[in-house]
Amino acid sequence: MSYFHTFDRHEGQLLTVGRQRYFIFRSGSGIEHMIQDKCPHRGGPLSRGRWDPVKLRLECPWHKSSWPEKTLIKMQLPTIKVNSRWTVYLGLVDPGAICHVHDIPVATIESVEHGAPTSL
């Protein structure tokens, strides 16, 4: 079953649908994208990664694989944004999957160079 989910951006930054997780990634230009919270290398939680603002790369917390901003943007889900309301196309989803929006600190990812929180 194809599934769309609409939520208020201020409710949270992490979306879980069944066992799948997605998070809001803010690119270096400040544009926000909804991407899967799964490293392409080994499935680590990218939302817990470290952002390098100089190299524009996100480092996976599990194996230190890093992904350029352009690759992350290509991974984004189709999303319609109207003010703070987001509608995300999640593709095929199990009809019994429960959807939750979580307000967790995925937007403050430590900078690789400085160790200081930077906003994604």
N, C-alpha and C. Protein backbone atom coordinates (compact mmCIF):
# COMPACT_ATOMS: atom_id res chain seq x y z
N MET A 1 0.84 -1.17 0.00
CA MET A 1 0.00 0.00 0.00
C MET A 1 0.89 1.25 0.00
N SER A 2 0.64 2.18 -0.90
CA SER A 2 1.38 3.45 -0.91
C SER A 2 0.89 4.30 0.24
N TYR A 3 1.80 5.06 0.81
CA TYR A 3 1.45 5.78 2.02
C TYR A 3 2.03 7.20 2.01
N PHE A 4 1.18 8.16 2.35
CA PHE A 4 1.59 9.54 2.57
C PHE A 4 1.37 9.83 4.05
N HIS A 5 2.24 10.63 4.64
CA HIS A 5 2.02 11.02 6.03
C HIS A 5 2.18 12.54 6.13
N THR A 6 1.20 13.18 6.77
CA THR A 6 1.25 14.63 6.96
C THR A 6 1.46 14.90 8.44
N PHE A 7 2.39 15.81 8.73
CA PHE A 7 2.65 16.18 10.12
C PHE A 7 3.11 17.63 10.18
N ASP A 8 3.07 18.17 11.37
CA ASP A 8 3.55 19.53 11.59
C ASP A 8 5.04 19.44 11.90
N ARG A 9 5.83 20.16 11.17
CA ARG A 9 7.29 20.16 11.32
C ARG A 9 7.72 20.44 12.75
N HIS A 10 6.91 21.22 13.49
CA HIS A 10 7.26 21.58 14.87
C HIS A 10 6.99 20.44 15.85
N GLU A 11 6.29 19.39 15.41
CA GLU A 11 6.04 18.23 16.27
C GLU A 11 7.31 17.43 16.51
N GLY A 12 8.20 17.42 15.56
CA GLY A 12 9.42 16.65 15.70
C GLY A 12 10.20 16.57 14.42
N GLN A 13 11.34 15.89 14.50
CA GLN A 13 12.26 15.80 13.37
C GLN A 13 12.55 14.37 12.95
N LEU A 14 12.03 13.41 13.71
CA LEU A 14 12.24 12.01 13.40
C LEU A 14 10.90 11.35 13.21
N LEU A 15 10.73 10.64 12.11
CA LEU A 15 9.48 9.98 11.78
C LEU A 15 9.74 8.48 11.73
N THR A 16 8.95 7.71 12.47
CA THR A 16 9.05 6.26 12.39
C THR A 16 7.75 5.72 11.82
N VAL A 17 7.89 4.79 10.89
CA VAL A 17 6.74 4.13 10.28
C VAL A 17 7.06 2.64 10.33
N GLY A 18 6.41 1.93 11.22
CA GLY A 18 6.77 0.54 11.43
C GLY A 18 8.20 0.47 11.92
N ARG A 19 9.05 -0.23 11.18
CA ARG A 19 10.47 -0.34 11.57
C ARG A 19 11.37 0.65 10.83
N GLN A 20 10.81 1.43 9.92
CA GLN A 20 11.59 2.40 9.15
C GLN A 20 11.65 3.74 9.89
N ARG A 21 12.80 4.39 9.80
CA ARG A 21 12.98 5.70 10.43
C ARG A 21 13.45 6.70 9.37
N TYR A 22 12.97 7.93 9.49
CA TYR A 22 13.33 9.02 8.59
C TYR A 22 13.60 10.24 9.45
N PHE A 23 14.49 11.12 9.01
CA PHE A 23 14.75 12.33 9.77
C PHE A 23 14.93 13.53 8.85
N ILE A 24 14.80 14.70 9.46
CA ILE A 24 14.95 15.94 8.71
C ILE A 24 16.41 16.35 8.72
N PHE A 25 16.96 16.45 7.53
CA PHE A 25 18.35 16.85 7.33
C PHE A 25 18.35 18.25 6.73
N ARG A 26 19.08 19.16 7.33
CA ARG A 26 19.20 20.52 6.79
C ARG A 26 20.52 20.63 6.05
N SER A 27 20.45 20.90 4.76
CA SER A 27 21.65 21.01 3.94
C SER A 27 22.41 22.29 4.27
N GLY A 28 23.60 22.39 3.72
CA GLY A 28 24.44 23.57 3.97
C GLY A 28 23.78 24.86 3.53
N SER A 29 22.86 24.77 2.54
CA SER A 29 22.15 25.97 2.08
C SER A 29 20.95 26.30 2.96
N GLY A 30 20.68 25.44 3.96
CA GLY A 30 19.58 25.70 4.89
C GLY A 30 18.25 25.04 4.51
N ILE A 31 18.22 24.35 3.38
CA ILE A 31 16.99 23.68 2.95
C ILE A 31 16.86 22.35 3.68
N GLU A 32 15.66 22.05 4.16
CA GLU A 32 15.42 20.83 4.90
C GLU A 32 14.90 19.73 3.98
N HIS A 33 15.39 18.51 4.22
CA HIS A 33 15.03 17.34 3.43
C HIS A 33 14.69 16.19 4.38
N MET A 34 13.72 15.38 4.02
CA MET A 34 13.39 14.18 4.80
C MET A 34 14.12 13.01 4.15
N ILE A 35 15.04 12.39 4.91
CA ILE A 35 15.80 11.26 4.37
C ILE A 35 15.69 10.06 5.31
N GLN A 36 15.96 8.89 4.78
CA GLN A 36 15.91 7.69 5.60
C GLN A 36 17.05 7.71 6.60
N ASP A 37 16.74 7.33 7.82
CA ASP A 37 17.72 7.33 8.91
C ASP A 37 18.50 6.01 8.90
N LYS A 38 19.17 5.79 7.77
CA LYS A 38 19.87 4.52 7.59
C LYS A 38 21.08 4.75 6.68
N CYS A 39 22.24 4.53 7.23
CA CYS A 39 23.47 4.68 6.46
C CYS A 39 23.50 3.64 5.33
N PRO A 40 23.82 4.06 4.09
CA PRO A 40 23.89 3.11 2.98
C PRO A 40 24.96 2.03 3.18
N HIS A 41 25.96 2.30 4.02
CA HIS A 41 27.05 1.35 4.23
C HIS A 41 26.61 0.15 5.07
N ARG A 42 26.18 0.40 6.32
CA ARG A 42 25.82 -0.71 7.21
C ARG A 42 24.54 -0.46 8.01
N GLY A 43 23.79 0.55 7.63
CA GLY A 43 22.49 0.77 8.27
C GLY A 43 22.51 1.58 9.55
N GLY A 44 23.62 2.22 9.87
CA GLY A 44 23.71 3.02 11.09
C GLY A 44 22.76 4.21 11.06
N PRO A 45 22.42 4.76 12.22
CA PRO A 45 21.49 5.89 12.29
C PRO A 45 22.15 7.21 11.91
N LEU A 46 21.93 7.66 10.69
CA LEU A 46 22.55 8.91 10.24
C LEU A 46 22.13 10.11 11.07
N SER A 47 20.94 10.04 11.68
CA SER A 47 20.48 11.17 12.51
C SER A 47 21.38 11.38 13.71
N ARG A 48 22.19 10.41 14.04
CA ARG A 48 23.13 10.52 15.17
C ARG A 48 24.55 10.77 14.68
N GLY A 49 24.68 11.08 13.41
CA GLY A 49 26.00 11.29 12.82
C GLY A 49 26.60 12.64 13.16
N ARG A 50 27.79 12.86 12.62
CA ARG A 50 28.51 14.12 12.83
C ARG A 50 28.59 14.86 11.49
N TRP A 51 28.19 16.11 11.50
CA TRP A 51 28.18 16.94 10.30
C TRP A 51 29.49 17.71 10.20
N ASP A 52 30.12 17.66 9.04
CA ASP A 52 31.32 18.44 8.77
C ASP A 52 30.90 19.62 7.90
N PRO A 53 30.80 20.84 8.50
CA PRO A 53 30.33 22.00 7.75
C PRO A 53 31.31 22.50 6.69
N VAL A 54 32.57 22.11 6.79
CA VAL A 54 33.56 22.53 5.80
C VAL A 54 33.51 21.62 4.57
N LYS A 55 33.50 20.31 4.80
CA LYS A 55 33.47 19.35 3.69
C LYS A 55 32.05 19.04 3.23
N LEU A 56 31.04 19.51 3.97
CA LEU A 56 29.63 19.25 3.67
C LEU A 56 29.37 17.75 3.57
N ARG A 57 29.76 17.04 4.63
CA ARG A 57 29.60 15.58 4.69
C ARG A 57 29.03 15.20 6.05
N LEU A 58 28.22 14.13 6.07
CA LEU A 58 27.66 13.60 7.30
C LEU A 58 28.32 12.25 7.57
N GLU A 59 28.91 12.12 8.76
CA GLU A 59 29.63 10.91 9.12
C GLU A 59 28.74 9.98 9.94
N CYS A 60 28.64 8.73 9.54
CA CYS A 60 27.86 7.73 10.25
C CYS A 60 28.52 7.44 11.60
N PRO A 61 27.73 7.33 12.67
CA PRO A 61 28.32 7.08 13.99
C PRO A 61 28.85 5.65 14.16
N TRP A 62 28.45 4.71 13.33
CA TRP A 62 28.88 3.32 13.51
C TRP A 62 30.27 3.03 12.95
N HIS A 63 30.50 3.31 11.68
CA HIS A 63 31.75 2.92 11.04
C HIS A 63 32.51 4.09 10.43
N LYS A 64 32.05 5.30 10.72
CA LYS A 64 32.70 6.53 10.26
C LYS A 64 32.66 6.72 8.76
N SER A 65 31.79 5.99 8.06
CA SER A 65 31.59 6.26 6.64
C SER A 65 30.99 7.65 6.54
N SER A 66 31.42 8.44 5.58
CA SER A 66 30.85 9.78 5.46
C SER A 66 30.20 9.95 4.10
N TRP A 67 29.13 10.74 4.09
CA TRP A 67 28.31 10.90 2.90
C TRP A 67 28.21 12.37 2.53
N PRO A 68 28.55 12.72 1.28
CA PRO A 68 28.47 14.11 0.86
C PRO A 68 27.02 14.60 0.85
N GLU A 69 26.88 15.87 1.07
CA GLU A 69 25.56 16.50 1.08
C GLU A 69 24.76 16.16 -0.18
N LYS A 70 25.41 16.17 -1.33
CA LYS A 70 24.71 15.88 -2.60
C LYS A 70 24.10 14.47 -2.58
N THR A 71 24.81 13.52 -2.03
CA THR A 71 24.29 12.14 -1.94
C THR A 71 23.09 12.09 -1.00
N LEU A 72 23.19 12.78 0.13
CA LEU A 72 22.08 12.80 1.09
C LEU A 72 20.84 13.43 0.47
N ILE A 73 21.01 14.50 -0.28
CA ILE A 73 19.87 15.17 -0.92
C ILE A 73 19.22 14.24 -1.95
N LYS A 74 20.02 13.46 -2.66
CA LYS A 74 19.47 12.50 -3.63
C LYS A 74 18.65 11.42 -2.94
N MET A 75 18.92 11.18 -1.65
CA MET A 75 18.21 10.17 -0.88
C MET A 75 16.88 10.68 -0.31
N GLN A 76 16.58 11.95 -0.51
CA GLN A 76 15.38 12.53 0.12
C GLN A 76 14.09 11.91 -0.40
N LEU A 77 13.10 11.91 0.46
CA LEU A 77 11.77 11.43 0.08
C LEU A 77 10.99 12.56 -0.58
N PRO A 78 10.10 12.24 -1.50
CA PRO A 78 9.25 13.28 -2.07
C PRO A 78 8.41 13.92 -0.95
N THR A 79 8.49 15.24 -0.86
CA THR A 79 7.84 15.95 0.24
C THR A 79 7.20 17.23 -0.27
N ILE A 80 6.01 17.50 0.22
CA ILE A 80 5.34 18.78 -0.05
C ILE A 80 5.36 19.56 1.26
N LYS A 81 5.91 20.77 1.22
CA LYS A 81 6.02 21.59 2.43
C LYS A 81 5.18 22.85 2.26
N VAL A 82 4.25 23.04 3.16
CA VAL A 82 3.45 24.26 3.18
C VAL A 82 3.56 24.82 4.60
N ASN A 83 4.35 25.88 4.72
CA ASN A 83 4.68 26.43 6.04
C ASN A 83 5.27 25.32 6.90
N SER A 84 4.68 25.01 8.04
CA SER A 84 5.24 23.97 8.89
C SER A 84 4.60 22.60 8.67
N ARG A 85 3.64 22.51 7.75
CA ARG A 85 2.98 21.24 7.45
C ARG A 85 3.75 20.51 6.34
N TRP A 86 4.14 19.30 6.62
CA TRP A 86 4.87 18.48 5.66
C TRP A 86 4.02 17.28 5.30
N THR A 87 3.96 16.93 4.01
CA THR A 87 3.36 15.68 3.57
C THR A 87 4.47 14.91 2.87
N VAL A 88 4.77 13.74 3.40
CA VAL A 88 5.88 12.93 2.92
C VAL A 88 5.34 11.67 2.26
N TYR A 89 5.85 11.37 1.06
CA TYR A 89 5.49 10.12 0.40
C TYR A 89 6.47 9.05 0.86
N LEU A 90 5.96 8.01 1.50
CA LEU A 90 6.80 6.97 2.08
C LEU A 90 6.87 5.71 1.23
N GLY A 91 6.20 5.71 0.10
CA GLY A 91 6.25 4.54 -0.76
C GLY A 91 5.37 3.42 -0.23
N LEU A 92 5.79 2.19 -0.47
CA LEU A 92 5.02 1.04 -0.03
C LEU A 92 5.26 0.80 1.46
N VAL A 93 4.16 0.74 2.20
CA VAL A 93 4.22 0.58 3.65
C VAL A 93 3.24 -0.51 4.04
N ASP A 94 3.61 -1.31 5.02
CA ASP A 94 2.72 -2.33 5.56
C ASP A 94 1.46 -1.64 6.09
N PRO A 95 0.28 -2.08 5.69
CA PRO A 95 -0.96 -1.42 6.11
C PRO A 95 -1.13 -1.32 7.63
N GLY A 96 -0.50 -2.22 8.38
CA GLY A 96 -0.62 -2.18 9.84
C GLY A 96 0.46 -1.35 10.52
N ALA A 97 1.34 -0.73 9.76
CA ALA A 97 2.44 0.04 10.34
C ALA A 97 1.92 1.25 11.09
N ILE A 98 2.48 1.48 12.26
CA ILE A 98 2.11 2.63 13.08
C ILE A 98 3.12 3.74 12.81
N CYS A 99 2.61 4.95 12.65
CA CYS A 99 3.44 6.11 12.33
C CYS A 99 3.54 7.03 13.54
N HIS A 100 4.77 7.44 13.88
CA HIS A 100 5.00 8.36 15.00
C HIS A 100 5.97 9.45 14.57
N VAL A 101 5.76 10.65 15.08
CA VAL A 101 6.70 11.75 14.91
C VAL A 101 7.34 11.98 16.27
N HIS A 102 8.67 12.04 16.31
CA HIS A 102 9.40 12.17 17.56
C HIS A 102 10.14 13.50 17.60
N ASP A 103 10.11 14.13 18.73
CA ASP A 103 10.87 15.36 18.94
C ASP A 103 12.13 14.99 19.69
N ILE A 104 13.14 14.54 18.94
CA ILE A 104 14.41 14.19 19.55
C ILE A 104 15.49 15.08 18.95
N PRO A 105 16.60 15.20 19.63
CA PRO A 105 17.63 16.15 19.19
C PRO A 105 18.47 15.70 18.00
N VAL A 106 17.83 15.43 16.86
CA VAL A 106 18.62 15.08 15.68
C VAL A 106 19.14 16.32 14.98
N ALA A 107 18.65 17.49 15.32
CA ALA A 107 19.06 18.71 14.63
C ALA A 107 20.34 19.30 15.18
N THR A 108 20.81 18.81 16.29
CA THR A 108 22.07 19.31 16.83
C THR A 108 23.11 18.21 16.73
N ILE A 109 23.74 18.14 15.59
CA ILE A 109 24.77 17.15 15.34
C ILE A 109 26.12 17.83 15.50
N GLU A 110 27.01 17.16 16.22
CA GLU A 110 28.31 17.77 16.51
C GLU A 110 29.12 17.97 15.23
N SER A 111 29.76 19.11 15.17
CA SER A 111 30.64 19.42 14.06
C SER A 111 31.93 18.59 14.21
N VAL A 112 32.42 18.04 13.12
CA VAL A 112 33.64 17.23 13.16
C VAL A 112 34.84 18.05 13.63
N GLU A 113 34.98 19.28 13.12
CA GLU A 113 36.16 20.08 13.46
C GLU A 113 36.11 20.66 14.87
N HIS A 114 34.95 21.13 15.26
CA HIS A 114 34.88 21.92 16.48
C HIS A 114 34.25 21.22 17.66
N GLY A 115 33.50 20.15 17.43
CA GLY A 115 32.82 19.47 18.51
C GLY A 115 31.66 20.27 19.07
N ALA A 116 31.34 21.39 18.44
CA ALA A 116 30.23 22.24 18.90
C ALA A 116 28.98 21.88 18.12
N PRO A 117 27.81 21.95 18.76
CA PRO A 117 26.58 21.64 18.05
C PRO A 117 26.36 22.60 16.88
N THR A 118 25.95 22.04 15.78
CA THR A 118 25.56 22.85 14.62
C THR A 118 24.18 22.41 14.20
N SER A 119 23.42 23.30 13.69
CA SER A 119 22.05 22.97 13.32
C SER A 119 22.03 22.32 11.95
N LEU A 120 21.29 21.22 11.85
CA LEU A 120 21.06 20.60 10.54
C LEU A 120 19.75 21.10 10.10
